[in-house]
Amino acid sequence: MLPLLTTLSVISSWYGPGFHGNTTANGERYNQNGLTAAHKTLPFGTRLKVCYNRCAVVRVNDRGPYAHGRSLDLSKGAADKIGLTGSGVGRVSITRLN
């Protein structure tokens, strides 16, 4: 578990068009334009500050990623906001806010 206000560096990717409108692990409809994330163990509703070229605050609402070596999957909207969509995968810093 990531303690409150602790910052870690992790590998992140993003997911979008193929999942838009599907049900997430917490029962919401996935909105690729939202500021959300998938994480394997953090509680749903956890807010994270995620930074790459820029920063955004996202909310965990799904489980994943399932690709080896990745710790976080961002919605396309979140990846756009931090500048990750071009590379697709990158090392980001995450800080748990709640």
C-alpha atoms as a PDB file:
ATOM      1  CA  MET A   1       0.000   0.000   0.000  1.00  0.00           C
ATOM      2  CA  LEU A   2       1.244   3.466  -0.873  1.00  0.00           C
ATOM      3  CA  PRO A   3       1.206   5.603   2.321  1.00  0.00           C
ATOM      4  CA  LEU A   4      -0.410   9.022   2.248  1.00  0.00           C
ATOM      5  CA  LEU A   5       1.731  11.801   0.695  1.00  0.00           C
ATOM      6  CA  THR A   6       4.519   9.378  -0.207  1.00  0.00           C
ATOM      7  CA  THR A   7       5.931   9.827  -3.718  1.00  0.00           C
ATOM      8  CA  LEU A   8       7.048   6.854  -5.804  1.00  0.00           C
ATOM      9  CA  SER A   9       8.430   6.531  -9.313  1.00  0.00           C
ATOM     10  CA  VAL A  10       6.588   3.850 -11.335  1.00  0.00           C
ATOM     11  CA  ILE A  11       6.064   2.739 -14.926  1.00  0.00           C
ATOM     12  CA  SER A  12       2.705   3.839 -16.313  1.00  0.00           C
ATOM     13  CA  SER A  13       0.792   3.399 -19.540  1.00  0.00           C
ATOM     14  CA  TRP A  14      -2.641   4.512 -20.703  1.00  0.00           C
ATOM     15  CA  TYR A  15      -5.783   2.936 -22.112  1.00  0.00           C
ATOM     16  CA  GLY A  16      -8.646   4.460 -24.007  1.00  0.00           C
ATOM     17  CA  PRO A  17     -10.696   3.913 -27.154  1.00  0.00           C
ATOM     18  CA  GLY A  18     -11.137   0.126 -26.942  1.00  0.00           C
ATOM     19  CA  PHE A  19     -12.505   0.379 -23.394  1.00  0.00           C
ATOM     20  CA  HIS A  20     -14.589   3.587 -23.617  1.00  0.00           C
ATOM     21  CA  GLY A  21     -18.069   2.931 -22.222  1.00  0.00           C
ATOM     22  CA  ASN A  22     -17.195  -0.445 -20.697  1.00  0.00           C
ATOM     23  CA  THR A  23     -17.786  -1.085 -17.006  1.00  0.00           C
ATOM     24  CA  THR A  24     -14.753  -0.549 -14.761  1.00  0.00           C
ATOM     25  CA  ALA A  25     -13.912  -2.781 -11.803  1.00  0.00           C
ATOM     26  CA  ASN A  26     -15.771  -0.456  -9.420  1.00  0.00           C
ATOM     27  CA  GLY A  27     -18.928  -0.514 -11.580  1.00  0.00           C
ATOM     28  CA  GLU A  28     -18.602   2.887 -13.284  1.00  0.00           C
ATOM     29  CA  ARG A  29     -18.663   3.380 -17.027  1.00  0.00           C
ATOM     30  CA  TYR A  30     -15.127   4.010 -18.282  1.00  0.00           C
ATOM     31  CA  ASN A  31     -14.708   7.495 -19.758  1.00  0.00           C
ATOM     32  CA  GLN A  32     -11.481   7.669 -21.741  1.00  0.00           C
ATOM     33  CA  ASN A  33     -11.559  11.479 -21.428  1.00  0.00           C
ATOM     34  CA  GLY A  34     -11.793  11.459 -17.641  1.00  0.00           C
ATOM     35  CA  LEU A  35      -8.992  11.782 -15.099  1.00  0.00           C
ATOM     36  CA  THR A  36      -8.955   8.234 -13.783  1.00  0.00           C
ATOM     37  CA  ALA A  37      -6.521   5.369 -13.297  1.00  0.00           C
ATOM     38  CA  ALA A  38      -6.302   1.631 -12.834  1.00  0.00           C
ATOM     39  CA  HIS A  39      -4.141   0.191 -10.054  1.00  0.00           C
ATOM     40  CA  LYS A  40      -3.883  -3.396  -8.824  1.00  0.00           C
ATOM     41  CA  THR A  41      -4.333  -2.809  -5.083  1.00  0.00           C
ATOM     42  CA  LEU A  42      -5.104   0.810  -4.128  1.00  0.00           C
ATOM     43  CA  PRO A  43      -8.672   1.299  -2.890  1.00  0.00           C
ATOM     44  CA  PHE A  44     -11.228   2.663  -5.337  1.00  0.00           C
ATOM     45  CA  GLY A  45     -11.568   6.413  -4.881  1.00  0.00           C
ATOM     46  CA  THR A  46      -7.896   6.922  -3.997  1.00  0.00           C
ATOM     47  CA  ARG A  47      -6.658  10.208  -5.450  1.00  0.00           C
ATOM     48  CA  LEU A  48      -3.147  10.319  -6.897  1.00  0.00           C
ATOM     49  CA  LYS A  49      -1.075  13.218  -8.158  1.00  0.00           C
ATOM     50  CA  VAL A  50       0.640  11.821 -11.270  1.00  0.00           C
ATOM     51  CA  CYS A  51       3.512  13.708 -12.956  1.00  0.00           C
ATOM     52  CA  TYR A  52       5.341  13.143 -16.252  1.00  0.00           C
ATOM     53  CA  ASN A  53       5.938  16.312 -18.319  1.00  0.00           C
ATOM     54  CA  ARG A  54       3.042  17.912 -16.410  1.00  0.00           C
ATOM     55  CA  CYS A  55       0.915  16.828 -13.444  1.00  0.00           C
ATOM     56  CA  ALA A  56      -2.719  15.795 -12.945  1.00  0.00           C
ATOM     57  CA  VAL A  57      -4.807  14.473 -10.077  1.00  0.00           C
ATOM     58  CA  VAL A  58      -6.522  11.194 -10.941  1.00  0.00           C
ATOM     59  CA  ARG A  59      -8.941   8.894  -9.129  1.00  0.00           C
ATOM     60  CA  VAL A  60      -8.505   5.100  -9.015  1.00  0.00           C
ATOM     61  CA  ASN A  61     -11.656   3.451 -10.392  1.00  0.00           C
ATOM     62  CA  ASP A  62     -10.347   0.306 -12.115  1.00  0.00           C
ATOM     63  CA  ARG A  63      -7.951  -2.619 -11.690  1.00  0.00           C
ATOM     64  CA  GLY A  64      -4.801  -3.149 -13.724  1.00  0.00           C
ATOM     65  CA  PRO A  65      -2.506  -2.755 -15.503  1.00  0.00           C
ATOM     66  CA  TYR A  66      -1.940  -6.317 -16.584  1.00  0.00           C
ATOM     67  CA  ALA A  67       1.213  -5.720 -18.657  1.00  0.00           C
ATOM     68  CA  HIS A  68       4.352  -6.951 -16.888  1.00  0.00           C
ATOM     69  CA  GLY A  69       6.383  -4.244 -15.155  1.00  0.00           C
ATOM     70  CA  ARG A  70       3.677  -1.568 -15.162  1.00  0.00           C
ATOM     71  CA  SER A  71       2.136  -0.222 -11.964  1.00  0.00           C
ATOM     72  CA  LEU A  72      -0.471   2.251 -13.212  1.00  0.00           C
ATOM     73  CA  ASP A  73      -2.788   2.577 -16.206  1.00  0.00           C
ATOM     74  CA  LEU A  74      -4.116   6.073 -16.884  1.00  0.00           C
ATOM     75  CA  SER A  75      -7.206   7.075 -18.814  1.00  0.00           C
ATOM     76  CA  LYS A  76      -6.440   8.740 -22.146  1.00  0.00           C
ATOM     77  CA  GLY A  77      -7.576  12.082 -20.691  1.00  0.00           C
ATOM     78  CA  ALA A  78      -5.105  11.804 -17.814  1.00  0.00           C
ATOM     79  CA  ALA A  79      -2.298  10.699 -20.140  1.00  0.00           C
ATOM     80  CA  ASP A  80      -3.048  13.664 -22.437  1.00  0.00           C
ATOM     81  CA  LYS A  81      -2.950  16.069 -19.497  1.00  0.00           C
ATOM     82  CA  ILE A  82       0.480  14.911 -18.281  1.00  0.00           C
ATOM     83  CA  GLY A  83       1.971  14.479 -21.773  1.00  0.00           C
ATOM     84  CA  LEU A  84       2.223  10.661 -21.804  1.00  0.00           C
ATOM     85  CA  THR A  85       0.078   9.798 -24.833  1.00  0.00           C
ATOM     86  CA  GLY A  86       2.882  10.257 -27.377  1.00  0.00           C
ATOM     87  CA  SER A  87       5.251   7.766 -25.778  1.00  0.00           C
ATOM     88  CA  GLY A  88       2.474   5.502 -24.490  1.00  0.00           C
ATOM     89  CA  VAL A  89       4.549   4.213 -21.574  1.00  0.00           C
ATOM     90  CA  GLY A  90       6.816   6.123 -19.230  1.00  0.00           C
ATOM     91  CA  ARG A  91       8.192   6.556 -15.741  1.00  0.00           C
ATOM     92  CA  VAL A  92       5.874   8.796 -13.722  1.00  0.00           C
ATOM     93  CA  SER A  93       5.919  10.010 -10.147  1.00  0.00           C
ATOM     94  CA  ILE A  94       2.802   9.308  -8.090  1.00  0.00           C
ATOM     95  CA  THR A  95       1.815  10.813  -4.758  1.00  0.00           C
ATOM     96  CA  ARG A  96      -1.152   9.434  -2.817  1.00  0.00           C
ATOM     97  CA  LEU A  97      -3.380  12.326  -1.720  1.00  0.00           C
ATOM     98  CA  ASN A  98      -6.051  10.457   0.289  1.00  0.00           C
END
